[in-house]
Amino acid sequence: MRRGIAAAVVVAALTISASACSSGSSGSDSSGPVTITWWDTSDATNEAGTFKTLVKDFEKANPDIKVKYVSVPFGDAQTKFQTAAGSKGAPDVLRADVGWTPGFAKAGYLAPLDDTPAAAQSKLFEQNLIEQTKYDGKLYGIPQVTDTLGLMYNKDLFAKAGIKKAPATWDELKKNMAEVKEKTGVDGFAFNPQAYYAMPFLFGEETDMVDVDAQQITLNSPAAVKGIDTLKGVLKAPGVRKLDTTSNAYANIMDAFSSGKVAAIIQGPWENANVFKGAAFQDKANLGIAPVPGSGAAQGAPLGGHNLVAYAGSDAARQEASQKFIAFMTSKESQVKVATTNGTLPTREDAYSSEVTANPGIAGYEGLLAAGVPRPPLPQYSSLYTPLETQLIKIISGQEGTKPGLDKAAAEAKRLLPEYSTS
């Protein structure tokens, strides 16, 4: 599950839209099983296999329902779903980022799930996650997996550098990363230059991209400028890996960390399984997980994850089948299977069994969820990452000053939120 909103590829979008429309149109044939289409946006290499197995389990338990499984890259899925829903050909069920749910609901693309089989056990879920599925007082999704960002670190490299505990502030991080480089020869820290990973620097200054209550865009506020300046300071510190702004930056950073060439990164639990495949973490106990550092006055990381949502354009038979499918895929048993296989975090309190928390990656991130900053119920919120990311790369690579760059990001955000004021 990778962050960022990629531009849509029109031809691919139309192809998938047509496929979904074709598969859905025959789903309500009363002479045979109901067929529903599910777009899975999980990582095709490390996660999708588990969900394919669960689909087979569901079909075995529900012989009157067939599920057409379609893997859709996360970065393309938001735009492709919008295109497909606009042409009445969207999948019956979508694995949607929590940030997409309000916008899809406002557009009328999603069916409310209140008082349906999908929501029958909603009280057993973490309630702050249930709140992130709501729009205008109605429930439009069921949380499938959740996440937040943490500081992943290599305990062995920290110990060799004489570091006894994870840094709690950015100043401590800079000091520790210099110590790692000096005493081990390994880069102390690497940063993924995407807007999502920069959010802790804003939260550390007690600000966000937008203040919904005040209807104000805060991307260029003094606090935001201070936060991004802090990030620039971290990236210039001794022991920090050279900034990678290539299209392969994410993969390069993950490879460097999992192989032991970088001691610490900011990352989420969706990469647990991938990290444990690396040479540096054959002993899973070597993975340390701590809260992302802050300014000293505040710390915070975005609370994310994925909801399963149902398409409002499906007929009654496919709606009913979709509700059963969502209930099955978010059940305690399914979440335990996903957590133990993929290393991701369950959204139900009863799914944190001893088997699940035996994974140090899950146990580490579970303790960070309470401090996660939920996304406001603003349909345009996830779209704000795009102008921030465009300017962030220019700012941290020295092509643009912090305030001028954030002013440009705020101006673009104003196009999305014309009724909002700017700082």
Protein backbone atom coordinates (compact mmCIF):
# COMPACT_ATOMS: atom_id res chain seq x y z
CA MET A 1 0.00 0.00 0.00
CA ARG A 2 1.90 2.99 -1.23
CA ARG A 3 1.00 6.58 -0.74
CA GLY A 4 0.48 9.32 -3.30
CA ILE A 5 -2.14 10.00 -5.96
CA ALA A 6 -0.91 9.24 -9.46
CA ALA A 7 -2.37 10.71 -12.64
CA ALA A 8 -4.87 8.44 -14.37
CA VAL A 9 -3.97 6.58 -17.52
CA VAL A 10 -7.07 7.14 -19.59
CA VAL A 11 -6.87 4.05 -21.76
CA ALA A 12 -6.34 1.76 -18.75
CA ALA A 13 -9.14 3.45 -16.86
CA LEU A 14 -11.59 2.91 -19.70
CA THR A 15 -10.50 -0.70 -20.07
CA ILE A 16 -11.10 -1.51 -16.43
CA SER A 17 -14.33 0.49 -16.42
CA ALA A 18 -15.66 -1.49 -19.36
CA SER A 19 -14.60 -4.76 -17.73
CA ALA A 20 -16.38 -3.89 -14.49
CA CYS A 21 -19.51 -2.84 -16.34
CA SER A 22 -19.54 -6.08 -18.33
CA SER A 23 -19.01 -8.28 -15.29
CA GLY A 24 -21.60 -6.45 -13.22
CA SER A 25 -24.42 -6.47 -15.76
CA SER A 26 -24.89 -10.23 -15.55
CA GLY A 27 -24.53 -10.47 -11.79
CA SER A 28 -28.24 -10.57 -10.96
CA ASP A 29 -29.16 -13.56 -13.16
CA SER A 30 -31.59 -15.49 -10.97
CA SER A 31 -30.73 -18.78 -12.70
CA GLY A 32 -27.26 -18.95 -11.17
CA PRO A 33 -24.93 -17.49 -8.56
CA VAL A 34 -24.74 -13.73 -8.16
CA THR A 35 -21.40 -12.39 -9.42
CA ILE A 36 -19.82 -9.35 -7.83
CA THR A 37 -16.58 -7.60 -8.79
CA TRP A 38 -13.99 -6.60 -6.19
CA TRP A 39 -11.17 -4.18 -6.91
CA ASP A 40 -8.34 -5.00 -4.52
CA THR A 41 -5.80 -2.18 -4.16
CA SER A 42 -3.39 -4.06 -1.89
CA ASP A 43 0.24 -4.65 -2.81
CA ALA A 44 0.17 -7.20 -5.62
CA THR A 45 3.45 -8.79 -4.55
CA ASN A 46 3.28 -8.93 -0.76
CA GLU A 47 -0.41 -8.78 0.16
CA ALA A 48 -2.78 -9.77 -2.67
CA GLY A 49 -2.20 -13.51 -2.33
CA THR A 50 -3.81 -13.52 1.09
CA PHE A 51 -6.91 -11.75 -0.18
CA LYS A 52 -7.22 -14.11 -3.14
CA THR A 53 -7.26 -17.01 -0.68
CA LEU A 54 -9.96 -15.31 1.38
CA VAL A 55 -12.05 -14.80 -1.76
CA LYS A 56 -11.96 -18.57 -2.35
CA ASP A 57 -12.90 -19.17 1.29
CA PHE A 58 -15.85 -16.80 0.92
CA GLU A 59 -17.08 -18.49 -2.25
CA LYS A 60 -16.85 -21.89 -0.57
CA ALA A 61 -18.93 -20.62 2.36
CA ASN A 62 -21.35 -18.81 0.02
CA PRO A 63 -21.86 -20.99 -3.08
CA ASP A 64 -24.58 -18.65 -4.35
CA ILE A 65 -22.05 -15.82 -4.77
CA LYS A 66 -19.06 -15.57 -7.10
CA VAL A 67 -16.40 -12.89 -6.73
CA LYS A 68 -14.49 -11.54 -9.73
CA TYR A 69 -11.17 -10.48 -8.27
CA VAL A 70 -9.35 -7.56 -9.95
CA SER A 71 -6.01 -6.24 -8.70
CA VAL A 72 -5.78 -2.47 -9.28
CA PRO A 73 -2.61 -0.52 -8.43
CA PHE A 74 -3.23 1.72 -5.44
CA GLY A 75 -1.83 4.81 -7.13
CA ASP A 76 -4.33 4.55 -9.99
CA ALA A 77 -7.39 3.29 -8.14
CA GLN A 78 -8.96 6.56 -6.97
CA THR A 79 -9.17 8.09 -10.44
CA LYS A 80 -10.15 4.81 -12.08
CA PHE A 81 -13.00 4.29 -9.65
CA GLN A 82 -14.26 7.83 -10.23
CA THR A 83 -14.18 7.25 -13.97
CA ALA A 84 -15.94 3.90 -13.69
CA ALA A 85 -18.55 5.15 -11.21
CA GLY A 86 -19.33 8.12 -13.43
CA SER A 87 -20.13 5.75 -16.28
CA LYS A 88 -22.20 3.42 -14.06
CA GLY A 89 -19.62 0.67 -14.38
CA ALA A 90 -17.74 0.63 -11.08
CA PRO A 91 -16.90 -2.55 -9.16
CA ASP A 92 -19.43 -3.70 -6.59
CA VAL A 93 -16.80 -3.55 -3.82
CA LEU A 94 -13.66 -1.42 -3.61
CA ARG A 95 -10.78 -1.49 -1.18
CA ALA A 96 -10.62 2.28 -0.69
CA ASP A 97 -8.11 4.42 1.15
CA VAL A 98 -9.80 6.07 4.13
CA GLY A 99 -9.16 9.46 2.55
CA TRP A 100 -11.26 8.61 -0.48
CA THR A 101 -14.40 7.60 1.39
CA PRO A 102 -15.86 11.09 2.07
CA GLY A 103 -15.39 12.23 -1.52
CA PHE A 104 -16.91 9.09 -3.03
CA ALA A 105 -19.82 9.31 -0.60
CA LYS A 106 -20.46 12.98 -1.38
CA ALA A 107 -20.46 12.17 -5.11
CA GLY A 108 -23.14 9.52 -4.56
CA TYR A 109 -20.91 6.64 -5.62
CA LEU A 110 -21.22 4.65 -2.39
CA ALA A 111 -24.11 2.81 -0.78
CA PRO A 112 -24.71 3.45 2.95
CA LEU A 113 -24.00 0.35 5.04
CA ASP A 114 -25.95 1.26 8.16
CA ASP A 115 -28.19 -1.59 9.34
CA THR A 116 -26.79 -4.04 6.79
CA PRO A 117 -24.94 -7.34 7.36
CA ALA A 118 -21.71 -5.52 6.54
CA ALA A 119 -22.06 -3.37 9.66
CA ALA A 120 -23.54 -5.97 12.00
CA GLN A 121 -20.39 -6.11 14.16
CA SER A 122 -19.31 -2.48 13.84
CA LYS A 123 -19.23 -2.05 17.63
CA LEU A 124 -16.31 -4.49 17.81
CA PHE A 125 -14.11 -2.25 15.68
CA GLU A 126 -11.82 0.52 16.90
CA GLN A 127 -14.35 3.34 17.05
CA ASN A 128 -12.04 6.09 15.82
CA LEU A 129 -11.66 3.99 12.66
CA ILE A 130 -15.43 3.62 12.31
CA GLU A 131 -15.70 7.40 12.50
CA GLN A 132 -13.37 7.66 9.50
CA THR A 133 -15.89 5.67 7.43
CA LYS A 134 -18.70 8.16 7.99
CA TYR A 135 -19.89 11.07 5.92
CA ASP A 136 -22.85 13.29 6.75
CA GLY A 137 -23.76 10.97 9.62
CA LYS A 138 -23.95 7.77 7.56
CA LEU A 139 -21.66 4.74 7.45
CA TYR A 140 -20.09 4.24 4.01
CA GLY A 141 -17.41 1.65 4.68
CA ILE A 142 -16.06 -1.00 7.02
CA PRO A 143 -12.38 -0.71 8.05
CA GLN A 144 -10.32 -3.59 6.65
CA VAL A 145 -6.80 -2.62 7.74
CA THR A 146 -5.43 0.37 9.58
CA ASP A 147 -2.06 2.02 9.87
CA THR A 148 -0.05 4.93 11.10
CA LEU A 149 3.51 6.03 10.57
CA GLY A 150 6.28 5.15 12.99
CA LEU A 151 10.04 5.30 13.17
CA MET A 152 11.31 1.91 11.99
CA TYR A 153 14.89 1.33 13.16
CA ASN A 154 17.57 -1.33 13.17
CA LYS A 155 18.19 -2.24 16.82
CA ASP A 156 21.57 -3.81 16.09
CA LEU A 157 22.90 -0.70 14.34
CA PHE A 158 21.54 1.53 17.08
CA ALA A 159 23.27 -0.61 19.71
CA LYS A 160 26.59 -0.51 17.83
CA ALA A 161 26.30 3.28 17.79
CA GLY A 162 25.66 3.36 21.53
CA ILE A 163 22.06 4.54 21.16
CA LYS A 164 19.96 3.13 23.97
CA LYS A 165 16.52 4.46 23.04
CA ALA A 166 14.75 5.76 19.96
CA PRO A 167 14.89 9.54 19.42
CA ALA A 168 11.81 11.45 20.55
CA THR A 169 12.63 14.77 18.88
CA TRP A 170 14.05 15.80 15.51
CA ASP A 171 17.15 17.18 17.24
CA GLU A 172 17.70 13.82 18.92
CA LEU A 173 17.23 12.10 15.56
CA LYS A 174 19.91 14.27 13.96
CA LYS A 175 22.33 13.57 16.82
CA ASN A 176 21.68 9.82 16.71
CA MET A 177 21.98 9.55 12.94
CA ALA A 178 25.39 11.22 13.01
CA GLU A 179 26.45 8.72 15.69
CA VAL A 180 25.29 5.79 13.55
CA LYS A 181 27.26 7.02 10.54
CA GLU A 182 30.37 7.70 12.57
CA LYS A 183 30.43 4.40 14.46
CA THR A 184 29.02 1.96 11.88
CA GLY A 185 29.65 3.59 8.50
CA VAL A 186 25.96 3.09 7.64
CA ASP A 187 23.60 5.94 6.77
CA GLY A 188 21.56 6.80 9.82
CA PHE A 189 18.30 7.91 8.21
CA ALA A 190 16.55 8.04 4.82
CA PHE A 191 13.44 10.04 3.95
CA ASN A 192 10.78 9.21 1.37
CA PRO A 193 9.94 12.57 -0.30
CA GLN A 194 6.17 12.11 -0.45
CA ALA A 195 3.69 14.45 1.20
CA TYR A 196 2.25 11.73 3.43
CA TYR A 197 5.64 11.15 5.05
CA ALA A 198 6.05 14.87 5.68
CA MET A 199 2.85 15.09 7.74
CA PRO A 200 4.58 14.34 11.09
CA PHE A 201 6.64 17.49 10.56
CA LEU A 202 3.39 19.49 10.37
CA PHE A 203 1.74 17.65 13.26
CA GLY A 204 4.89 18.24 15.31
CA GLU A 205 4.11 21.95 15.02
CA GLU A 206 0.45 21.31 15.88
CA THR A 207 -0.82 22.16 12.41
CA ASP A 208 -2.26 20.33 9.39
CA MET A 209 -2.85 21.06 5.71
CA VAL A 210 -6.24 22.54 6.54
CA ASP A 211 -8.30 23.67 9.52
CA VAL A 212 -11.81 22.44 8.77
CA ASP A 213 -13.47 24.20 11.71
CA ALA A 214 -11.99 27.56 10.73
CA GLN A 215 -12.36 26.80 6.99
CA GLN A 216 -8.75 27.82 6.47
CA ILE A 217 -5.97 26.36 4.35
CA THR A 218 -2.94 26.09 6.63
CA LEU A 219 -0.39 24.66 4.20
CA ASN A 220 1.50 27.95 4.21
CA SER A 221 0.93 28.93 7.83
CA PRO A 222 3.93 29.92 9.99
CA ALA A 223 3.65 26.58 11.78
CA ALA A 224 3.71 24.66 8.49
CA VAL A 225 6.72 26.64 7.28
CA LYS A 226 8.51 25.84 10.53
CA GLY A 227 7.69 22.16 10.16
CA ILE A 228 9.04 21.91 6.61
CA ASP A 229 12.11 23.93 7.57
CA THR A 230 12.67 21.34 10.30
CA LEU A 231 12.49 18.61 7.66
CA LYS A 232 15.05 20.46 5.55
CA GLY A 233 17.32 20.64 8.59
CA VAL A 234 17.03 16.90 9.16
CA LEU A 235 17.88 16.13 5.54
CA LYS A 236 21.02 18.29 5.68
CA ALA A 237 22.29 16.68 8.91
CA PRO A 238 25.37 14.42 8.97
CA GLY A 239 24.56 10.74 8.62
CA VAL A 240 21.39 11.23 6.59
CA ARG A 241 21.21 9.44 3.25
CA LYS A 242 21.30 11.58 0.11
CA LEU A 243 17.79 12.59 -0.92
CA ASP A 244 16.34 10.33 -3.60
CA THR A 245 13.73 12.03 -5.79
CA THR A 246 13.69 9.41 -8.56
CA SER A 247 10.60 7.44 -9.49
CA ASN A 248 12.14 4.47 -7.64
CA ALA A 249 12.77 6.37 -4.41
CA TYR A 250 10.29 4.36 -2.35
CA ALA A 251 11.69 0.99 -3.43
CA ASN A 252 15.28 2.18 -3.10
CA ILE A 253 14.74 3.34 0.47
CA MET A 254 12.96 0.14 1.47
CA ASP A 255 15.72 -1.99 -0.05
CA ALA A 256 18.40 0.01 1.76
CA PHE A 257 16.65 -0.31 5.12
CA SER A 258 15.76 -3.99 4.87
CA SER A 259 19.31 -4.87 3.81
CA GLY A 260 20.92 -2.94 6.67
CA LYS A 261 22.35 -0.05 4.63
CA VAL A 262 20.14 2.51 6.43
CA ALA A 263 19.48 2.46 10.17
CA ALA A 264 16.10 4.24 10.37
CA ILE A 265 13.17 5.36 8.21
CA ILE A 266 9.66 6.72 8.67
CA GLN A 267 7.30 3.98 7.52
CA GLY A 268 4.01 2.22 8.13
CA PRO A 269 3.04 -1.36 9.05
CA TRP A 270 2.09 -2.23 5.46
CA GLU A 271 5.83 -2.80 4.91
CA ASN A 272 6.32 -5.20 7.85
CA ALA A 273 6.24 -8.34 5.71
CA ASN A 274 8.61 -6.81 3.16
CA VAL A 275 11.06 -5.68 5.84
CA PHE A 276 11.20 -9.13 7.41
CA LYS A 277 12.30 -10.56 4.06
CA GLY A 278 15.44 -8.42 4.21
CA ALA A 279 18.83 -9.67 5.30
CA ALA A 280 18.96 -7.27 8.27
CA PHE A 281 15.72 -8.58 9.77
CA GLN A 282 15.89 -12.34 9.49
CA ASP A 283 15.67 -12.06 13.25
CA LYS A 284 12.37 -10.16 13.51
CA ALA A 285 13.30 -8.97 16.97
CA ASN A 286 15.89 -6.67 15.34
CA LEU A 287 13.12 -4.37 14.11
CA GLY A 288 12.47 -1.46 16.41
CA ILE A 289 9.29 0.62 16.13
CA ALA A 290 8.82 3.92 17.93
CA PRO A 291 6.67 7.04 17.58
CA VAL A 292 7.79 9.41 14.84
CA PRO A 293 9.83 12.18 16.52
CA GLY A 294 8.34 15.61 17.03
CA SER A 295 9.37 19.15 17.78
CA GLY A 296 9.46 18.53 21.51
CA ALA A 297 6.11 20.21 22.11
CA ALA A 298 4.09 17.78 20.01
CA GLN A 299 4.26 14.52 18.11
CA GLY A 300 1.83 13.01 15.65
CA ALA A 301 1.44 10.80 12.63
CA PRO A 302 -1.44 10.34 10.19
CA LEU A 303 -3.96 7.62 10.91
CA GLY A 304 -4.72 5.79 7.70
CA GLY A 305 -5.85 2.46 6.36
CA HIS A 306 -8.40 1.03 3.99
CA ASN A 307 -12.15 0.58 4.07
CA LEU A 308 -14.24 -1.83 2.05
CA VAL A 309 -16.98 0.20 0.36
CA ALA A 310 -19.97 -0.81 -1.77
CA TYR A 311 -20.93 0.77 -5.09
CA ALA A 312 -24.32 2.50 -5.06
CA GLY A 313 -24.94 1.66 -8.72
CA SER A 314 -25.13 -2.11 -8.19
CA ASP A 315 -28.52 -3.78 -8.35
CA ALA A 316 -30.25 -5.13 -5.24
CA ALA A 317 -28.91 -8.68 -5.58
CA ARG A 318 -25.31 -7.52 -5.95
CA GLN A 319 -25.75 -5.04 -3.09
CA GLU A 320 -26.84 -7.86 -0.80
CA ALA A 321 -23.97 -10.09 -1.95
CA SER A 322 -21.51 -7.22 -1.48
CA GLN A 323 -22.67 -6.68 2.09
CA LYS A 324 -22.07 -10.35 2.90
CA PHE A 325 -18.65 -10.20 1.25
CA ILE A 326 -17.62 -7.10 3.20
CA ALA A 327 -18.76 -8.71 6.45
CA PHE A 328 -16.71 -11.83 5.70
CA MET A 329 -13.58 -9.94 4.66
CA THR A 330 -13.65 -7.79 7.81
CA SER A 331 -14.56 -10.58 10.23
CA LYS A 332 -12.32 -11.46 13.16
CA GLU A 333 -11.17 -14.65 11.45
CA SER A 334 -10.30 -12.89 8.19
CA GLN A 335 -8.47 -10.07 9.95
CA VAL A 336 -6.41 -12.51 11.98
CA LYS A 337 -5.45 -14.33 8.78
CA VAL A 338 -4.51 -11.08 7.04
CA ALA A 339 -2.53 -9.84 10.02
CA THR A 340 -0.56 -13.04 10.54
CA THR A 341 0.19 -13.44 6.83
CA ASN A 342 0.68 -9.86 5.64
CA GLY A 343 1.86 -8.23 8.86
CA THR A 344 -0.75 -5.47 8.70
CA LEU A 345 -2.83 -4.08 11.56
CA PRO A 346 -6.39 -5.30 12.25
CA THR A 347 -9.20 -2.82 12.73
CA ARG A 348 -11.15 -4.90 15.24
CA GLU A 349 -10.22 -5.02 18.89
CA ASP A 350 -10.96 -8.76 19.09
CA ALA A 351 -8.53 -9.52 16.25
CA TYR A 352 -5.46 -8.60 18.33
CA SER A 353 -4.95 -12.17 19.49
CA SER A 354 -1.70 -13.47 20.97
CA GLU A 355 -0.99 -15.04 17.57
CA VAL A 356 -1.28 -11.64 15.90
CA THR A 357 0.71 -9.65 18.46
CA ALA A 358 3.49 -12.25 18.38
CA ASN A 359 4.60 -10.32 15.30
CA PRO A 360 6.82 -7.53 16.68
CA GLY A 361 5.86 -5.31 13.77
CA ILE A 362 2.18 -5.49 14.65
CA ALA A 363 2.80 -5.24 18.39
CA GLY A 364 4.96 -2.17 17.83
CA TYR A 365 2.46 -0.30 15.68
CA GLU A 366 -0.55 -1.24 17.80
CA GLY A 367 0.88 0.92 20.54
CA LEU A 368 1.10 3.92 18.19
CA LEU A 369 -2.51 3.92 17.01
CA ALA A 370 -3.86 5.89 19.96
CA ALA A 371 -1.67 8.86 19.00
CA GLY A 372 -2.62 8.69 15.33
CA VAL A 373 -4.14 11.87 13.87
CA PRO A 374 -7.42 11.03 12.08
CA ARG A 375 -8.27 12.63 8.78
CA PRO A 376 -11.04 15.21 8.86
CA PRO A 377 -14.29 14.28 7.03
CA LEU A 378 -13.41 16.59 4.16
CA PRO A 379 -13.95 15.09 0.68
CA GLN A 380 -11.06 17.09 -0.79
CA TYR A 381 -8.56 16.28 1.97
CA SER A 382 -6.70 13.46 0.23
CA SER A 383 -6.39 15.63 -2.90
CA LEU A 384 -4.45 18.21 -0.90
CA TYR A 385 -1.47 15.84 -0.83
CA THR A 386 -0.88 16.51 -4.54
CA PRO A 387 -0.05 20.26 -4.35
CA LEU A 388 1.92 19.69 -1.15
CA GLU A 389 3.97 16.90 -2.72
CA THR A 390 4.69 18.87 -5.89
CA GLN A 391 6.14 21.75 -3.91
CA LEU A 392 7.71 19.58 -1.20
CA ILE A 393 10.11 17.95 -3.64
CA LYS A 394 11.12 21.36 -4.99
CA ILE A 395 11.58 22.76 -1.48
CA ILE A 396 13.67 19.97 -0.01
CA SER A 397 15.81 19.63 -3.16
CA GLY A 398 16.66 23.34 -3.05
CA GLN A 399 14.72 24.43 -6.12
CA GLU A 400 12.25 26.55 -4.14
CA GLY A 401 12.20 28.41 -0.83
CA THR A 402 9.98 27.00 1.92
CA LYS A 403 7.49 29.87 2.18
CA PRO A 404 7.22 30.57 -1.58
CA GLY A 405 6.79 26.86 -2.26
CA LEU A 406 4.11 26.42 0.40
CA ASP A 407 2.37 29.58 -0.85
CA LYS A 408 2.12 27.91 -4.26
CA ALA A 409 0.80 24.71 -2.66
CA ALA A 410 -1.80 26.74 -0.77
CA ALA A 411 -2.85 28.52 -3.95
CA GLU A 412 -3.47 25.16 -5.62
CA ALA A 413 -5.35 23.97 -2.54
CA LYS A 414 -7.52 27.09 -2.83
CA ARG A 415 -8.70 25.82 -6.23
CA LEU A 416 -9.97 22.69 -4.49
CA LEU A 417 -11.46 24.63 -1.57
CA PRO A 418 -12.52 28.02 -2.97
CA GLU A 419 -14.61 28.81 0.09
CA TYR A 420 -11.57 28.44 2.39
CA SER A 421 -9.24 31.30 3.34
CA THR A 422 -5.46 31.00 3.18
CA SER A 423 -2.83 31.90 5.73
